[in-house]
Amino acid sequence: MKFLATIILFAFIALLGQGSAEPSRNDISVYEKLCQTFGLEKDCWTTANPPTKRPLADI
């Protein structure tokens, strides 16, 4: 029973984390504007390309 309660608690916490990890619509629009400002694709924030021209080693 204790094991089952632990599993349920872990699942609940994981679901809370999943919901809070999603960016808001406002954040998405800011990220898209940054990508377009630097001449990248509009959805560059969802890929490995950060919205900046600095090399990843400098970030």
Protein backbone atom coordinates (compact mmCIF):
# COMPACT_ATOMS: atom_id res chain seq x y z
CA MET A 1 0.00 0.00 0.00
CA LYS A 2 2.84 2.35 0.83
CA PHE A 3 4.43 1.59 -2.56
CA LEU A 4 1.16 2.39 -4.35
CA ALA A 5 0.84 5.69 -2.49
CA THR A 6 4.41 6.57 -3.49
CA ILE A 7 3.67 5.81 -7.15
CA ILE A 8 0.49 7.93 -7.10
CA LEU A 9 2.31 10.83 -5.41
CA PHE A 10 5.12 10.66 -7.98
CA ALA A 11 2.62 10.64 -10.87
CA PHE A 12 0.78 13.63 -9.39
CA ILE A 13 4.00 15.63 -9.03
CA ALA A 14 5.06 14.69 -12.58
CA LEU A 15 1.74 15.92 -13.96
CA LEU A 16 2.06 19.20 -12.08
CA GLY A 17 5.56 19.67 -13.47
CA GLN A 18 4.41 18.95 -17.01
CA GLY A 19 1.69 21.60 -16.83
CA SER A 20 3.95 24.27 -15.38
CA ALA A 21 6.76 23.55 -17.87
CA GLU A 22 4.74 24.73 -20.86
CA PRO A 23 5.55 28.32 -21.92
CA SER A 24 2.70 30.81 -21.94
CA ARG A 25 1.35 32.32 -25.17
CA ASN A 26 3.05 35.61 -24.27
CA ASP A 27 6.42 33.89 -23.81
CA ILE A 28 6.01 32.08 -27.13
CA SER A 29 5.38 35.35 -28.97
CA VAL A 30 8.47 36.91 -27.36
CA TYR A 31 10.61 33.91 -28.38
CA GLU A 32 9.26 34.05 -31.94
CA LYS A 33 10.08 37.78 -32.20
CA LEU A 34 13.61 37.12 -30.95
CA CYS A 35 14.10 34.40 -33.56
CA GLN A 36 12.87 36.67 -36.34
CA THR A 37 15.01 39.56 -35.07
CA PHE A 38 18.14 37.45 -35.50
CA GLY A 39 17.06 36.22 -38.93
CA LEU A 40 16.23 32.70 -37.83
CA GLU A 41 13.09 30.66 -38.40
CA LYS A 42 10.06 31.66 -36.34
CA ASP A 43 10.16 28.40 -34.37
CA CYS A 44 13.92 28.40 -33.69
CA TRP A 45 13.23 28.44 -29.94
CA THR A 46 11.80 24.90 -30.16
CA THR A 47 14.96 23.55 -31.79
CA ALA A 48 18.56 23.41 -30.67
CA ASN A 49 19.21 26.85 -32.18
CA PRO A 50 18.97 29.53 -29.50
CA PRO A 51 17.64 32.93 -30.63
CA THR A 52 21.07 34.56 -30.61
CA LYS A 53 24.06 34.77 -32.93
CA ARG A 54 26.59 34.08 -30.18
CA PRO A 55 28.17 30.61 -30.25
CA LEU A 56 26.81 28.10 -27.75
CA ALA A 57 30.20 28.05 -26.00
CA ASP A 58 29.74 31.72 -25.05
CA ILE A 59 26.24 31.29 -23.64
